[in-house]
């Protein structure tokens, strides 16, 4: 009779302790990986959302400016305000055939500036002060940096246009293709406080070139031909020598702005250099845009979300 050996009994079902520990470790690793993926995706989504929001606002601002400049009064004898403010945001002002907020008038003094918002932080504002054609002074010799006849809106006349814009800088593309912070090319010989009108002898032999500027008794002339003994000077309003207005905007998203104080925002705006002759705005701001980590001393998020934009706007 053959007996059954109890030592050869089959193994009972279940997992060993080692198998359970391995399973738990694998499960924990899967959870950690999924958490990391979700966290990265969430941060990427937030960053992309901020960028899209910034670009949407900048596009709105540039489109508004393009529309207003497209309706600017195309006369050489009316005032413009292309005011440079060293160390701060510049200002833009001009007459435009667009509807203002005062009644149904279709002629306005349109102005753009960066001012303090309700929370004290900088924001881009626009004012379109409705006026009549009888309010426009014609026949002036306009100085874009010192407008005397363009009505200036009051502080309460401005309306919010871009709450994420904290700096606006401008320069001019001149008719000779050069970039300048004023209406003439400073790299050429110019006579800005002359005691007489230019003559045919004010030519290349005297150091003048095509594009040279001459101002006598608030009347402006530009050299069209510098041939020796036959120089040709043409009377021209300063704004007529500007082919396009170059506008640069520096923006910071809303979520980061609320974390910064006014002194921090002022510090951020102050680190952006003023435009200089011969360069566009983005080139002037390249020391900051090429090294955003330098902004970490203001706030760690500032370097991640600050953006810079630029556009050329042809003048009528």
Protein backbone atom coordinates (compact mmCIF):
# COMPACT_ATOMS: atom_id res chain seq x y z
CA UNK A 1 0.00 0.00 0.00
CA UNK A 2 1.46 3.29 -1.05
CA UNK A 3 1.19 6.19 1.46
CA UNK A 4 0.88 9.95 0.67
CA UNK A 5 3.73 12.21 1.80
CA UNK A 6 2.55 15.28 3.74
CA UNK A 7 5.76 17.18 2.88
CA UNK A 8 4.76 17.36 -0.78
CA UNK A 9 1.42 19.15 -0.20
CA UNK A 10 0.67 21.89 -2.81
CA UNK A 11 1.40 25.61 -1.97
CA UNK A 12 -1.54 27.59 -0.70
CA UNK A 13 -2.71 30.61 -2.82
CA UNK A 14 -1.55 34.23 -1.95
CA UNK A 15 1.42 36.63 -2.17
CA UNK A 16 4.55 36.55 -0.22
CA UNK A 17 5.68 39.57 1.80
CA UNK A 18 8.42 40.34 -0.72
CA UNK A 19 5.92 40.35 -3.61
CA UNK A 20 3.64 42.72 -1.71
CA UNK A 21 6.51 45.11 -0.99
CA UNK A 22 7.62 45.09 -4.62
CA UNK A 23 4.05 45.82 -5.74
CA UNK A 24 3.73 48.70 -3.30
CA UNK A 25 7.04 50.20 -4.47
CA UNK A 26 5.95 49.96 -8.12
CA UNK A 27 2.58 51.54 -7.28
CA UNK A 28 4.28 54.40 -5.43
CA UNK A 29 6.61 55.01 -8.37
CA UNK A 30 3.67 55.09 -10.78
CA UNK A 31 1.84 57.60 -8.53
CA UNK A 32 4.95 59.80 -8.31
CA UNK A 33 5.46 59.73 -12.06
CA UNK A 34 1.80 60.59 -12.71
CA UNK A 35 1.91 63.39 -10.14
CA UNK A 36 5.02 64.85 -11.77
CA UNK A 37 3.46 64.64 -15.24
CA UNK A 38 0.27 66.34 -14.05
CA UNK A 39 2.26 69.04 -12.22
CA UNK A 40 4.42 69.78 -15.26
CA UNK A 41 1.36 69.83 -17.52
CA UNK A 42 -0.41 72.18 -15.13
CA UNK A 43 2.54 74.58 -14.95
CA UNK A 44 2.93 74.48 -18.73
CA UNK A 45 -0.77 75.22 -19.16
CA UNK A 46 -0.60 78.16 -16.74
CA UNK A 47 2.51 79.57 -18.45
CA UNK A 48 0.94 79.17 -21.89
CA UNK A 49 -2.23 80.83 -20.64
CA UNK A 50 -0.26 83.80 -19.32
CA UNK A 51 1.61 84.16 -22.62
CA UNK A 52 -1.62 84.00 -24.63
CA UNK A 53 -3.22 86.59 -22.35
CA UNK A 54 -0.25 88.93 -22.75
CA UNK A 55 -0.14 88.54 -26.52
CA UNK A 56 -3.89 89.12 -26.75
CA UNK A 57 -3.61 92.39 -24.84
CA UNK A 58 -0.57 93.59 -26.79
CA UNK A 59 -2.37 92.81 -30.06
CA UNK A 60 -5.36 94.84 -28.85
CA UNK A 61 -3.14 97.79 -27.93
CA UNK A 62 -1.22 97.73 -31.21
CA UNK A 63 -4.43 97.39 -33.24
CA UNK A 64 -5.98 100.35 -31.40
CA UNK A 65 -2.86 102.45 -31.99
CA UNK A 66 -2.73 101.43 -35.66
CA UNK A 67 -6.39 102.35 -36.13
CA UNK A 68 -5.95 105.76 -34.51
CA UNK A 69 -2.74 106.54 -36.40
CA UNK A 70 -4.44 105.45 -39.62
CA UNK A 71 -7.02 108.18 -39.00
CA UNK A 72 -4.52 110.86 -37.98
CA UNK A 73 -4.98 114.23 -39.65
CA UNK A 74 -2.47 114.22 -42.52
CA UNK A 75 -1.43 117.87 -42.46
CA UNK A 76 2.11 119.14 -41.87
CA UNK A 77 0.88 122.25 -40.03
CA UNK A 78 -0.88 120.62 -37.06
CA UNK A 79 0.72 119.64 -33.79
CA UNK A 80 1.86 116.16 -32.75
CA UNK A 81 3.02 115.00 -29.35
CA UNK A 82 5.86 112.47 -29.59
CA UNK A 83 7.25 113.25 -26.17
CA UNK A 84 10.33 111.49 -24.82
CA UNK A 85 10.49 111.07 -21.04
CA UNK A 86 14.01 110.03 -19.97
CA UNK A 87 13.95 107.07 -17.60
CA UNK A 88 10.18 106.66 -17.93
CA UNK A 89 7.48 105.81 -20.45
CA UNK A 90 7.08 108.06 -23.48
CA UNK A 91 3.84 109.72 -24.62
CA UNK A 92 2.04 109.77 -27.96
CA UNK A 93 -0.55 112.36 -29.00
CA UNK A 94 -2.06 113.58 -32.27
CA UNK A 95 -5.18 114.82 -34.03
CA UNK A 96 -7.30 112.00 -35.43
CA UNK A 97 -10.60 111.76 -37.26
CA UNK A 98 -12.03 109.35 -34.74
CA UNK A 99 -14.99 109.67 -32.41
CA UNK A 100 -14.13 111.03 -28.99
CA UNK A 101 -15.99 110.66 -25.73
CA UNK A 102 -17.35 114.23 -25.71
CA UNK A 103 -20.59 114.17 -27.68
CA UNK A 104 -20.76 112.98 -31.29
CA UNK A 105 -17.75 114.85 -32.59
CA UNK A 106 -15.57 112.91 -35.01
CA UNK A 107 -12.34 114.86 -34.46
CA UNK A 108 -10.34 114.07 -31.37
CA UNK A 109 -7.10 114.74 -29.59
CA UNK A 110 -5.91 111.14 -29.13
CA UNK A 111 -3.27 110.45 -26.49
CA UNK A 112 -1.52 107.36 -25.14
CA UNK A 113 0.48 107.21 -21.92
CA UNK A 114 1.49 104.88 -19.09
CA UNK A 115 0.07 106.15 -15.82
CA UNK A 116 -0.74 104.92 -12.35
CA UNK A 117 -3.82 102.72 -12.04
CA UNK A 118 -6.22 102.48 -9.13
CA UNK A 119 -3.75 100.28 -7.24
CA UNK A 120 -0.85 102.59 -8.00
CA UNK A 121 0.76 100.18 -10.49
CA UNK A 122 1.56 101.39 -14.03
CA UNK A 123 -0.90 100.70 -16.85
CA UNK A 124 -1.41 101.92 -20.41
CA UNK A 125 -4.17 104.51 -20.83
CA UNK A 126 -5.79 106.13 -23.85
CA UNK A 127 -7.74 109.37 -24.12
CA UNK A 128 -9.76 110.51 -27.13
CA UNK A 129 -10.98 114.00 -26.32
CA UNK A 130 -13.73 114.90 -28.77
CA UNK A 131 -13.28 118.35 -30.31
CA UNK A 132 -14.43 120.30 -33.33
CA UNK A 133 -12.53 121.30 -36.44
CA UNK A 134 -12.64 124.89 -35.20
CA UNK A 135 -10.54 123.78 -32.21
CA UNK A 136 -7.65 122.78 -34.47
CA UNK A 137 -4.92 125.38 -34.90
CA UNK A 138 -3.51 125.30 -38.43
CA UNK A 139 -0.43 126.87 -39.88
CA UNK A 140 1.82 126.02 -36.91
CA UNK A 141 5.42 124.92 -37.14
CA UNK A 142 4.98 121.79 -35.00
CA UNK A 143 7.64 120.52 -32.65
CA UNK A 144 6.77 116.86 -31.89
CA UNK A 145 8.58 117.08 -28.57
CA UNK A 146 6.85 120.27 -27.46
CA UNK A 147 3.28 120.50 -28.75
CA UNK A 148 1.74 123.90 -28.14
CA UNK A 149 -1.63 123.71 -29.89
CA UNK A 150 -2.66 120.06 -29.35
CA UNK A 151 -5.25 120.03 -26.53
CA UNK A 152 -4.02 117.86 -23.69
CA UNK A 153 -6.55 115.68 -21.87
CA UNK A 154 -6.82 115.88 -18.11
CA UNK A 155 -6.06 113.00 -15.73
CA UNK A 156 -9.73 112.02 -15.59
CA UNK A 157 -9.99 111.86 -19.38
CA UNK A 158 -7.85 108.72 -19.72
CA UNK A 159 -9.34 105.25 -19.93
CA UNK A 160 -7.67 101.90 -19.34
CA UNK A 161 -6.33 100.22 -22.48
CA UNK A 162 -3.73 97.72 -21.21
CA UNK A 163 -3.44 96.87 -17.51
CA UNK A 164 -0.47 94.55 -18.11
CA UNK A 165 1.68 97.19 -19.86
CA UNK A 166 4.19 98.85 -17.52
CA UNK A 167 6.54 100.59 -19.98
CA UNK A 168 6.11 102.22 -23.41
CA UNK A 169 9.08 103.48 -25.39
CA UNK A 170 9.16 105.14 -28.83
CA UNK A 171 11.61 106.15 -31.52
CA UNK A 172 11.30 107.29 -35.13
CA UNK A 173 12.13 105.71 -38.47
CA UNK A 174 13.16 108.67 -40.60
CA UNK A 175 12.75 109.12 -44.33
CA UNK A 176 16.44 108.38 -44.88
CA UNK A 177 15.99 104.97 -43.20
CA UNK A 178 17.78 105.86 -39.97
CA UNK A 179 16.38 105.36 -36.46
CA UNK A 180 16.31 108.41 -34.23
CA UNK A 181 14.86 109.57 -30.94
CA UNK A 182 13.94 112.86 -32.60
CA UNK A 183 12.83 114.02 -36.05
CA UNK A 184 16.30 114.43 -37.58
CA UNK A 185 19.36 112.21 -38.04
CA UNK A 186 21.85 113.20 -35.31
CA UNK A 187 24.70 111.36 -37.06
CA UNK A 188 24.67 114.01 -39.80
CA UNK A 189 25.71 117.63 -39.58
CA UNK A 190 22.66 119.70 -38.63
CA UNK A 191 22.07 123.37 -37.89
CA UNK A 192 19.25 123.45 -35.37
CA UNK A 193 19.65 127.06 -34.22
CA UNK A 194 20.61 128.85 -37.44
CA UNK A 195 20.65 132.62 -37.86
CA UNK A 196 19.49 132.49 -41.48
CA UNK A 197 17.84 130.27 -44.06
CA UNK A 198 20.01 127.64 -45.79
CA UNK A 199 21.78 128.64 -49.03
CA UNK A 200 23.05 126.73 -52.07
CA UNK A 201 26.50 127.06 -50.53
CA UNK A 202 25.43 125.01 -47.49
CA UNK A 203 26.52 121.89 -49.33
CA UNK A 204 28.73 118.81 -49.05
CA UNK A 205 31.82 121.02 -48.97
CA UNK A 206 30.41 122.58 -45.79
CA UNK A 207 29.81 119.13 -44.30
CA UNK A 208 26.10 118.78 -45.02
CA UNK A 209 24.57 115.66 -46.52
CA UNK A 210 21.22 114.56 -47.86
CA UNK A 211 18.97 114.37 -44.81
CA UNK A 212 20.74 117.13 -42.87
CA UNK A 213 18.38 119.33 -40.88
CA UNK A 214 18.27 123.14 -40.66
CA UNK A 215 16.08 125.20 -38.33
CA UNK A 216 15.76 128.97 -38.60
CA UNK A 217 13.19 131.01 -36.66
CA UNK A 218 11.06 127.90 -35.97
CA UNK A 219 11.03 127.05 -39.69
CA UNK A 220 12.55 123.70 -40.65
CA UNK A 221 14.43 122.63 -43.80
CA UNK A 222 15.88 119.30 -44.91
CA UNK A 223 18.71 118.86 -47.42
CA UNK A 224 17.54 117.07 -50.56
CA UNK A 225 20.72 117.55 -52.62
CA UNK A 226 24.15 118.35 -51.16
CA UNK A 227 25.99 118.84 -54.46
CA UNK A 228 28.79 121.39 -54.03
CA UNK A 229 27.57 124.85 -54.94
CA UNK A 230 24.07 123.58 -55.76
CA UNK A 231 22.62 122.42 -52.47
CA UNK A 232 18.86 122.04 -52.40
CA UNK A 233 17.00 122.60 -49.12
CA UNK A 234 13.28 121.96 -48.81
CA UNK A 235 10.95 123.35 -46.18
CA UNK A 236 9.53 120.46 -44.19
CA UNK A 237 7.55 119.97 -41.01
CA UNK A 238 9.32 117.67 -38.52
CA UNK A 239 6.61 115.01 -38.62
CA UNK A 240 6.98 114.84 -42.41
CA UNK A 241 10.50 113.54 -41.91
CA UNK A 242 9.21 110.61 -39.84
CA UNK A 243 8.31 107.62 -42.01
CA UNK A 244 7.12 105.41 -39.16
CA UNK A 245 6.69 105.51 -35.42
CA UNK A 246 8.39 102.63 -33.58
CA UNK A 247 6.60 101.60 -30.38
CA UNK A 248 7.93 99.14 -27.82
CA UNK A 249 5.85 97.69 -24.97
CA UNK A 250 7.01 95.87 -21.85
CA UNK A 251 4.29 93.75 -20.22
CA UNK A 252 3.90 91.63 -17.11
CA UNK A 253 1.00 89.23 -16.55
CA UNK A 254 -1.73 90.05 -14.03
CA UNK A 255 -1.02 87.12 -11.67
CA UNK A 256 2.56 88.26 -11.20
CA UNK A 257 1.72 91.98 -11.02
CA UNK A 258 -0.43 91.54 -7.92
CA UNK A 259 2.58 90.03 -6.14
CA UNK A 260 4.76 93.09 -6.80
CA UNK A 261 4.71 96.38 -4.94
CA UNK A 262 4.85 99.75 -6.66
CA UNK A 263 8.57 100.21 -5.84
CA UNK A 264 9.25 96.79 -7.39
CA UNK A 265 7.32 97.71 -10.55
CA UNK A 266 9.17 101.03 -10.74
CA UNK A 267 12.45 99.14 -10.38
CA UNK A 268 11.43 96.76 -13.16
CA UNK A 269 10.49 99.62 -15.51
CA UNK A 270 13.63 101.54 -14.63
CA UNK A 271 15.88 98.68 -15.69
CA UNK A 272 14.74 99.13 -19.30
CA UNK A 273 16.99 101.57 -21.11
CA UNK A 274 15.69 104.56 -23.05
CA UNK A 275 15.79 104.34 -26.83
CA UNK A 276 18.99 105.64 -28.39
CA UNK A 277 19.75 106.92 -31.87
CA UNK A 278 20.55 104.19 -34.38
CA UNK A 279 18.73 101.40 -32.51
CA UNK A 280 15.18 100.14 -32.27
CA UNK A 281 13.44 99.54 -28.94
CA UNK A 282 14.07 95.80 -28.65
CA UNK A 283 17.78 96.36 -29.21
CA UNK A 284 17.85 98.95 -26.43
CA UNK A 285 16.08 96.48 -24.12
CA UNK A 286 18.23 93.48 -25.11
CA UNK A 287 20.42 93.62 -21.95
CA UNK A 288 17.29 92.73 -19.97
CA UNK A 289 15.50 90.48 -22.48
CA UNK A 290 18.67 88.44 -23.10
CA UNK A 291 19.27 87.96 -19.37
CA UNK A 292 15.85 87.81 -17.66
CA UNK A 293 17.38 85.99 -14.66
CA UNK A 294 18.75 89.36 -13.57
CA UNK A 295 15.16 90.29 -12.66
CA UNK A 296 15.06 87.61 -9.96
CA UNK A 297 16.33 90.21 -7.51
CA UNK A 298 13.01 92.00 -7.96
CA UNK A 299 10.83 88.88 -7.80
CA UNK A 300 11.48 85.27 -8.88
CA UNK A 301 8.42 85.25 -11.15
CA UNK A 302 9.31 88.51 -12.89
CA UNK A 303 11.99 86.86 -14.99
CA UNK A 304 9.58 84.14 -16.11
CA UNK A 305 6.63 86.23 -17.23
CA UNK A 306 7.96 89.61 -18.45
CA UNK A 307 7.64 90.02 -22.24
CA UNK A 308 8.75 92.65 -24.76
CA UNK A 309 7.05 93.62 -28.03
CA UNK A 310 7.64 96.11 -30.83
CA UNK A 311 5.84 97.31 -33.94
CA UNK A 312 6.43 99.90 -36.68
CA UNK A 313 3.49 102.21 -37.45
CA UNK A 314 3.63 104.14 -40.74
CA UNK A 315 2.57 107.75 -40.36
CA UNK A 316 0.20 109.39 -42.85
